[in-house]
Amino acid sequence: MAARRLKLGMVGGGQGAFIGAVHRIAARLDDRFELVAGALSSDPARAQAGAVEAGIARSYADWREMARAEGARDDGIDAVAIVTPNHLHAPVATAFLEAGIHVICDKPLAMSLAQGEALAKLAREKRLLFALTHTYAGYPMVRHARELVEQGAIGELRVVQVEYAQDWLAEPVEASGTNKQADWRTDPAQAGPAGCLGDIGTHAYHLAAFVTGVTPVALAAEVHTFVPGRRVDDHVQAMLRYADGARGMLWASQVASGAENALRLRVYGTKGGLAFDQEEPNVLWFTPLGGAAERLTRGRVTGAAAAHATRVPAGHPEGYLEAFAQLYLDAALQIDAIEAGLPLPPASRLLTTVDDGVAGHRFIEAVLASSAANGKWTAVG
């Protein structure tokens, strides 16, 4: 019997928006969602034009109206995808949760830890799914890395090294007025107090935590702005301390000239190490202590976590869109279980949620506090 197709709405992501198109492709890839409603723009004409272009039946010019209307309909949406600038994440999510609608939201979760904790509390009270799109957790080989760590393949954790380098903000592109992404991502009123830190630093932090299963208890960090006149940070570096004695380092930069989307993770334990490069997502390197490096590939590893996130045979590359789609597939599985009053399917439990978003805000606040104190060691959460 075919699984039911869930009805999806979208807030933000109108014409010309990169991430809105990504969400729409990802939601459709496994045929578990049908996009039927949207508030794609605050401008009614642009909202309608975007809806027609995306094949959306019900167009709204205001997300508050959409939440009220869809929550009241017998055939209303099951879930909403929130793909707006950061400052709208919390108010939009709150409106849809209050209307009884599941939420799938871009990161960061909100503008502050307090907002994030309030969203987590509301989602629990309403017994609704709140998924957060930490895309890189959808890669089969990232999930396999996590499984290897859990199985003790690298022994006791000693060292975590994670980095995320881009160069798209190496120049003051926001000053041109032609790059909407740069405009809002460098505006503290829309992006929040953390620029590079909140945009990609949280991705690096989450990837390290997802694979290792642990988060640091303290950090010493510096945020920096290289481009003159920029109002948010464009570079961050941090040393990390873990409760079990492990140590780590994290750096993220959007001014690393020549870098495209270089998210890389290396973890080392007493028995071996793992290395993952997001730009080569079908490969995971495992090197046992004293042994030869082993090149593990998607489609050939036998772990259950990777198998659940794999769609095509070995040698047929899967990438960013498939990883994003994996989050939507796991969200659909969890929504079905929640609405049927059943336990969450084990295969879906690696979905990133509102709790990951709260952890990300604890990291942001600790980094900002440490940097303001000239790199002082600061407790995380």
Protein backbone atom coordinates (compact mmCIF):
# COMPACT_ATOMS: atom_id res chain seq x y z
CA MET A 1 0.00 0.00 0.00
CA ALA A 2 1.43 3.38 -1.06
CA ALA A 3 2.19 5.88 1.67
CA ARG A 4 -0.09 8.89 1.74
CA ARG A 5 1.12 12.13 0.25
CA LEU A 6 1.21 14.94 2.81
CA LYS A 7 0.02 18.46 1.98
CA LEU A 8 2.78 21.05 2.31
CA GLY A 9 2.72 24.83 2.55
CA MET A 10 5.63 27.24 2.18
CA VAL A 11 6.38 30.64 3.67
CA GLY A 12 9.06 32.60 1.82
CA GLY A 13 11.07 31.18 -1.06
CA GLY A 14 9.45 33.19 -3.85
CA GLN A 15 10.79 34.10 -7.26
CA GLY A 16 14.58 34.23 -7.39
CA ALA A 17 15.07 32.63 -3.97
CA PHE A 18 17.67 29.85 -4.03
CA ILE A 19 16.62 27.95 -0.92
CA GLY A 20 12.90 27.97 -1.73
CA ALA A 21 13.55 26.07 -4.95
CA VAL A 22 15.78 23.61 -3.08
CA HIS A 23 13.02 22.89 -0.55
CA ARG A 24 10.46 22.38 -3.32
CA ILE A 25 12.69 19.89 -5.15
CA ALA A 26 13.58 18.07 -1.92
CA ALA A 27 9.97 17.79 -0.79
CA ARG A 28 8.93 16.19 -4.08
CA LEU A 29 11.85 13.83 -4.58
CA ASP A 30 10.43 10.87 -2.64
CA ASP A 31 6.81 11.72 -3.54
CA ARG A 32 5.75 12.16 0.08
CA PHE A 33 4.69 15.83 -0.12
CA GLU A 34 2.48 17.88 -2.41
CA LEU A 35 2.96 21.66 -2.29
CA VAL A 36 -0.55 23.15 -2.20
CA ALA A 37 -0.31 26.51 -0.39
CA GLY A 38 2.16 29.32 0.02
CA ALA A 39 2.87 32.83 1.21
CA LEU A 40 5.91 33.29 -1.01
CA SER A 41 6.15 37.06 -0.74
CA SER A 42 4.68 39.90 1.30
CA ASP A 43 3.85 41.59 -2.01
CA PRO A 44 0.50 40.13 -3.24
CA ALA A 45 1.40 40.34 -6.94
CA ARG A 46 4.80 38.69 -6.42
CA ALA A 47 3.25 36.08 -4.13
CA GLN A 48 0.68 35.17 -6.78
CA ALA A 49 3.24 35.14 -9.59
CA GLY A 50 5.53 32.90 -7.58
CA ALA A 51 2.67 30.56 -6.72
CA VAL A 52 1.69 30.22 -10.38
CA GLU A 53 5.31 29.55 -11.33
CA ALA A 54 5.62 26.86 -8.63
CA GLY A 55 2.21 25.31 -9.35
CA ILE A 56 0.78 26.22 -5.93
CA ALA A 57 -3.01 26.22 -5.78
CA ARG A 58 -3.60 28.50 -2.78
CA SER A 59 -1.60 31.73 -2.60
CA TYR A 60 -1.54 34.06 0.40
CA ALA A 61 0.01 37.50 0.72
CA ASP A 62 0.34 37.19 4.51
CA TRP A 63 1.66 34.22 6.49
CA ARG A 64 -0.61 35.01 9.45
CA GLU A 65 -3.64 34.69 7.21
CA MET A 66 -2.22 31.48 5.78
CA ALA A 67 -1.76 29.91 9.22
CA ARG A 68 -5.31 30.80 10.27
CA ALA A 69 -6.90 29.70 7.01
CA GLU A 70 -4.99 26.46 6.56
CA GLY A 71 -5.48 25.49 10.20
CA ALA A 72 -9.24 25.88 9.78
CA ARG A 73 -9.59 23.93 6.52
CA ASP A 74 -10.58 20.26 6.50
CA ASP A 75 -8.11 19.83 3.63
CA GLY A 76 -5.51 22.20 5.09
CA ILE A 77 -1.78 21.61 4.97
CA ASP A 78 -0.14 18.99 7.17
CA ALA A 79 3.17 20.84 7.40
CA VAL A 80 4.72 24.18 6.52
CA ALA A 81 8.22 24.83 5.20
CA ILE A 82 9.68 28.11 6.51
CA VAL A 83 12.34 29.52 4.15
CA THR A 84 12.35 33.18 5.14
CA PRO A 85 15.18 35.35 6.50
CA ASN A 86 16.06 34.42 10.08
CA HIS A 87 14.09 37.13 11.90
CA LEU A 88 10.81 35.61 10.71
CA HIS A 89 11.52 32.00 11.69
CA ALA A 90 10.20 32.23 15.25
CA PRO A 91 7.02 34.28 14.62
CA VAL A 92 6.05 32.23 11.55
CA ALA A 93 6.74 28.90 13.27
CA THR A 94 4.77 30.00 16.33
CA ALA A 95 1.73 30.90 14.22
CA PHE A 96 1.68 27.53 12.45
CA LEU A 97 2.31 25.50 15.60
CA GLU A 98 -0.58 27.35 17.26
CA ALA A 99 -2.71 26.38 14.25
CA GLY A 100 -1.86 22.71 14.76
CA ILE A 101 0.46 22.42 11.76
CA HIS A 102 3.82 20.60 11.71
CA VAL A 103 6.89 22.74 10.94
CA ILE A 104 9.96 22.21 8.75
CA CYS A 105 12.24 25.23 9.18
CA ASP A 106 15.56 26.50 7.88
CA LYS A 107 18.32 27.15 10.40
CA PRO A 108 19.18 28.95 12.53
CA LEU A 109 16.06 28.23 14.52
CA ALA A 110 15.41 31.78 15.71
CA MET A 111 17.14 35.04 16.62
CA SER A 112 18.07 34.01 20.17
CA LEU A 113 18.32 31.08 22.55
CA ALA A 114 15.23 32.28 24.43
CA GLN A 115 13.16 32.27 21.22
CA GLY A 116 14.46 28.81 20.33
CA GLU A 117 13.62 27.36 23.73
CA ALA A 118 10.12 28.83 23.51
CA LEU A 119 9.60 27.14 20.12
CA ALA A 120 10.82 23.80 21.46
CA LYS A 121 8.43 24.06 24.41
CA LEU A 122 5.48 24.95 22.16
CA ALA A 123 6.19 22.08 19.75
CA ARG A 124 6.25 19.62 22.68
CA GLU A 125 3.03 21.01 24.12
CA LYS A 126 1.28 20.78 20.77
CA ARG A 127 2.78 17.32 20.07
CA LEU A 128 3.85 18.46 16.63
CA LEU A 129 6.96 17.79 14.59
CA PHE A 130 9.45 20.63 14.34
CA ALA A 131 12.17 19.62 11.90
CA LEU A 132 15.22 21.81 11.30
CA THR A 133 17.00 21.54 7.97
CA HIS A 134 20.59 20.80 8.89
CA THR A 135 21.02 19.39 5.41
CA TYR A 136 24.36 17.67 5.80
CA ALA A 137 22.94 15.20 8.33
CA GLY A 138 20.99 13.73 5.40
CA TYR A 139 24.07 12.38 3.61
CA PRO A 140 24.35 8.57 3.77
CA MET A 141 28.08 8.69 4.54
CA VAL A 142 27.60 11.19 7.37
CA ARG A 143 25.06 8.84 8.87
CA HIS A 144 27.44 5.93 8.37
CA ALA A 145 30.19 7.89 10.13
CA ARG A 146 27.88 8.39 13.11
CA GLU A 147 27.10 4.67 13.14
CA LEU A 148 30.80 3.75 13.09
CA VAL A 149 31.46 6.04 16.06
CA GLU A 150 28.53 4.52 17.96
CA GLN A 151 29.86 1.02 17.25
CA GLY A 152 33.27 1.92 18.68
CA ALA A 153 35.18 1.72 15.39
CA ILE A 154 37.43 4.67 16.31
CA GLY A 155 37.60 3.87 20.03
CA GLU A 156 37.39 6.64 22.60
CA LEU A 157 37.06 10.09 21.06
CA ARG A 158 40.16 12.29 21.30
CA VAL A 159 40.13 15.00 18.62
CA VAL A 160 37.40 16.77 16.61
CA GLN A 161 38.40 19.06 13.74
CA VAL A 162 35.62 20.73 11.71
CA GLU A 163 35.75 23.58 9.23
CA TYR A 164 33.40 25.32 6.82
CA ALA A 165 34.96 27.69 4.30
CA GLN A 166 33.28 29.81 1.62
CA ASP A 167 34.34 32.91 -0.30
CA TRP A 168 31.07 34.44 -1.47
CA LEU A 169 31.36 37.33 1.02
CA ALA A 170 35.07 37.99 0.47
CA GLU A 171 34.12 41.37 -1.01
CA PRO A 172 31.43 43.84 0.15
CA VAL A 173 28.81 42.40 -2.20
CA GLU A 174 26.00 43.68 0.03
CA ALA A 175 26.96 47.24 -0.93
CA SER A 176 25.98 46.61 -4.57
CA GLY A 177 22.29 46.27 -3.73
CA THR A 178 21.97 43.48 -6.31
CA ASN A 179 22.45 40.41 -4.10
CA LYS A 180 19.38 39.76 -1.95
CA GLN A 181 21.08 36.93 -0.07
CA ALA A 182 23.97 39.18 0.91
CA ASP A 183 21.60 42.03 1.77
CA TRP A 184 19.72 40.19 4.48
CA ARG A 185 22.47 37.85 5.65
CA THR A 186 24.68 40.83 6.56
CA ASP A 187 21.84 42.78 8.19
CA PRO A 188 21.70 42.11 11.97
CA ALA A 189 18.01 43.02 12.03
CA GLN A 190 17.22 40.15 9.66
CA ALA A 191 20.05 37.69 10.23
CA GLY A 192 20.53 38.14 13.97
CA PRO A 193 23.70 38.97 15.92
CA ALA A 194 25.74 36.16 14.31
CA GLY A 195 26.71 36.43 10.64
CA CYS A 196 29.06 33.70 9.44
CA LEU A 197 28.73 32.14 12.90
CA GLY A 198 24.98 31.69 12.59
CA ASP A 199 24.92 30.96 8.87
CA ILE A 200 27.58 28.26 8.45
CA GLY A 201 29.30 28.02 11.84
CA THR A 202 26.19 26.32 13.19
CA HIS A 203 26.32 23.81 10.32
CA ALA A 204 29.90 22.90 11.25
CA TYR A 205 29.00 22.66 14.93
CA HIS A 206 26.00 20.45 14.21
CA LEU A 207 27.92 18.13 11.86
CA ALA A 208 30.57 17.51 14.53
CA ALA A 209 27.94 16.85 17.19
CA PHE A 210 25.85 14.65 14.89
CA VAL A 211 28.74 12.34 14.01
CA THR A 212 30.42 12.17 17.43
CA GLY A 213 27.27 12.15 19.53
CA VAL A 214 28.72 14.70 21.96
CA THR A 215 28.84 18.47 22.30
CA PRO A 216 31.56 20.56 23.96
CA VAL A 217 31.13 21.77 27.51
CA ALA A 218 33.32 24.84 27.01
CA LEU A 219 34.94 26.86 24.26
CA ALA A 220 37.34 29.72 23.66
CA ALA A 221 36.40 31.68 20.54
CA GLU A 222 36.87 34.75 18.40
CA VAL A 223 34.51 36.20 15.81
CA HIS A 224 35.95 38.69 13.35
CA THR A 225 34.81 40.91 10.52
CA PHE A 226 37.34 41.28 7.71
CA VAL A 227 35.32 43.35 5.21
CA PRO A 228 35.24 47.02 6.26
CA GLY A 229 31.76 48.34 7.04
CA ARG A 230 30.17 44.92 7.36
CA ARG A 231 27.78 44.80 10.33
CA VAL A 232 28.12 41.11 11.20
CA ASP A 233 31.03 38.70 11.56
CA ASP A 234 32.37 36.95 8.46
CA HIS A 235 34.89 34.66 10.20
CA VAL A 236 34.89 32.58 13.41
CA GLN A 237 37.39 30.28 15.11
CA ALA A 238 36.99 28.30 18.32
CA MET A 239 38.79 25.77 20.52
CA LEU A 240 36.51 23.16 22.08
CA ARG A 241 36.66 21.10 25.28
CA TYR A 242 34.55 17.99 25.82
CA ALA A 243 33.44 16.43 29.10
CA ASP A 244 35.28 13.16 28.44
CA GLY A 245 38.59 14.94 27.87
CA ALA A 246 38.43 15.17 24.08
CA ARG A 247 39.50 18.40 22.39
CA GLY A 248 38.40 20.08 19.20
CA MET A 249 38.72 23.04 16.88
CA LEU A 250 36.11 24.72 14.68
CA TRP A 251 36.55 27.45 12.13
CA ALA A 252 34.14 28.90 9.63
CA SER A 253 34.77 31.67 7.17
CA GLN A 254 32.87 33.34 4.33
CA VAL A 255 35.92 35.31 3.20
CA ALA A 256 38.19 32.32 2.41
CA SER A 257 39.12 33.26 -1.16
CA GLY A 258 38.96 30.28 -3.50
CA ALA A 259 36.73 28.15 -1.24
CA GLU A 260 33.35 27.07 -2.60
CA ASN A 261 31.40 25.07 -0.01
CA ALA A 262 34.22 23.39 1.86
CA LEU A 263 32.62 21.73 4.87
CA ARG A 264 35.03 19.13 6.25
CA LEU A 265 35.07 16.98 9.38
CA ARG A 266 37.82 14.84 10.88
CA VAL A 267 37.41 12.86 14.10
CA TYR A 268 40.12 10.83 15.78
CA GLY A 269 39.87 8.26 18.53
CA THR A 270 42.12 5.78 20.29
CA LYS A 271 41.61 3.16 17.54
CA GLY A 272 41.31 5.18 14.34
CA GLY A 273 40.01 8.22 12.51
CA LEU A 274 37.28 9.32 10.10
CA ALA A 275 37.35 12.08 7.46
CA PHE A 276 34.42 13.50 5.47
CA ASP A 277 34.42 16.23 2.82
CA GLN A 278 31.02 17.66 1.85
CA GLU A 279 32.22 18.39 -1.67
CA GLU A 280 32.85 14.63 -2.09
CA PRO A 281 29.78 13.40 -0.20
CA ASN A 282 29.71 9.84 -1.52
CA VAL A 283 33.02 9.04 0.18
CA LEU A 284 34.03 8.53 3.81
CA TRP A 285 37.63 7.76 4.79
CA PHE A 286 38.29 5.42 7.71
CA THR A 287 41.85 4.82 8.88
CA PRO A 288 42.51 2.36 11.71
CA LEU A 289 45.46 3.08 13.98
CA GLY A 290 48.56 1.68 12.29
CA GLY A 291 46.59 0.54 9.25
CA ALA A 292 45.91 1.62 5.69
CA ALA A 293 43.26 4.22 4.87
CA GLU A 294 39.97 2.68 3.72
CA ARG A 295 37.83 4.53 1.15
CA LEU A 296 34.20 3.76 2.02
CA THR A 297 31.61 4.63 -0.62
CA ARG A 298 27.89 5.23 -0.61
CA GLY A 299 26.05 2.21 -1.96
CA ARG A 300 28.74 -0.23 -0.79
CA VAL A 301 28.63 0.18 2.99
CA THR A 302 26.17 -2.10 4.74
CA GLY A 303 25.09 -0.03 7.74
CA ALA A 304 21.38 0.52 8.28
CA ALA A 305 21.69 4.29 8.67
CA ALA A 306 23.36 4.73 5.28
CA ALA A 307 21.03 2.26 3.59
CA HIS A 308 17.97 4.22 4.73
CA ALA A 309 19.38 7.37 3.12
CA THR A 310 20.51 5.75 -0.14
CA ARG A 311 18.32 5.85 -3.26
CA VAL A 312 20.44 4.64 -6.18
CA PRO A 313 23.08 1.90 -6.71
CA ALA A 314 26.77 2.31 -6.03
CA GLY A 315 28.61 4.50 -8.53
CA HIS A 316 25.60 6.74 -9.19
CA PRO A 317 26.40 9.93 -7.26
CA GLU A 318 23.97 11.37 -4.75
CA GLY A 319 24.45 14.87 -3.41
CA TYR A 320 23.01 17.96 -1.81
CA LEU A 321 19.45 17.69 -3.13
CA GLU A 322 19.15 14.06 -2.07
CA ALA A 323 20.51 14.89 1.39
CA PHE A 324 17.92 17.64 1.68
CA ALA A 325 15.21 15.25 0.48
CA GLN A 326 16.21 12.78 3.18
CA LEU A 327 15.13 15.26 5.83
CA TYR A 328 11.74 15.58 4.14
CA LEU A 329 11.38 11.80 3.91
CA ASP A 330 12.19 11.36 7.59
CA ALA A 331 9.81 14.22 8.43
CA ALA A 332 7.02 12.47 6.53
CA LEU A 333 7.67 9.21 8.38
CA GLN A 334 7.55 11.01 11.73
CA ILE A 335 4.40 13.00 10.89
CA ASP A 336 2.63 9.77 9.94
CA ALA A 337 3.66 8.18 13.24
CA ILE A 338 2.70 11.21 15.34
CA GLU A 339 -0.73 11.49 13.78
CA ALA A 340 -1.32 7.73 14.18
CA GLY A 341 -0.22 7.84 17.82
CA LEU A 342 2.63 5.41 17.12
CA PRO A 343 6.31 5.44 18.16
CA LEU A 344 8.64 7.21 15.74
CA PRO A 345 10.05 4.78 13.14
CA PRO A 346 13.66 3.90 14.10
CA ALA A 347 14.87 4.66 10.57
CA SER A 348 13.65 8.27 10.88
CA ARG A 349 15.24 9.09 14.22
CA LEU A 350 18.27 10.82 12.71
CA LEU A 351 16.07 13.68 11.54
CA THR A 352 17.38 17.01 12.83
CA THR A 353 14.83 18.80 14.99
CA VAL A 354 14.10 21.86 17.09
CA ASP A 355 16.37 20.46 19.81
CA ASP A 356 19.31 20.67 17.41
CA GLY A 357 18.35 24.27 16.82
CA VAL A 358 18.38 25.03 20.54
CA ALA A 359 21.83 23.44 20.80
CA GLY A 360 22.97 25.66 17.94
CA HIS A 361 21.82 28.77 19.78
CA ARG A 362 23.67 27.68 22.92
CA PHE A 363 26.79 27.45 20.76
CA ILE A 364 26.18 30.88 19.21
CA GLU A 365 25.69 32.54 22.60
CA ALA A 366 28.81 30.92 24.05
CA VAL A 367 30.94 31.96 21.06
CA LEU A 368 29.72 35.56 21.18
CA ALA A 369 30.29 35.74 24.94
CA SER A 370 33.77 34.27 24.67
CA SER A 371 34.75 36.57 21.82
CA ALA A 372 33.47 39.62 23.72
CA ALA A 373 35.69 38.55 26.64
CA ASN A 374 38.80 38.35 24.44
CA GLY A 375 38.58 34.58 23.92
CA LYS A 376 37.88 33.61 27.51
CA TRP A 377 36.94 29.97 28.09
CA THR A 378 33.14 29.96 28.33
CA ALA A 379 30.64 27.25 29.26
CA VAL A 380 28.34 26.03 26.47
CA GLY A 381 24.73 25.92 27.59
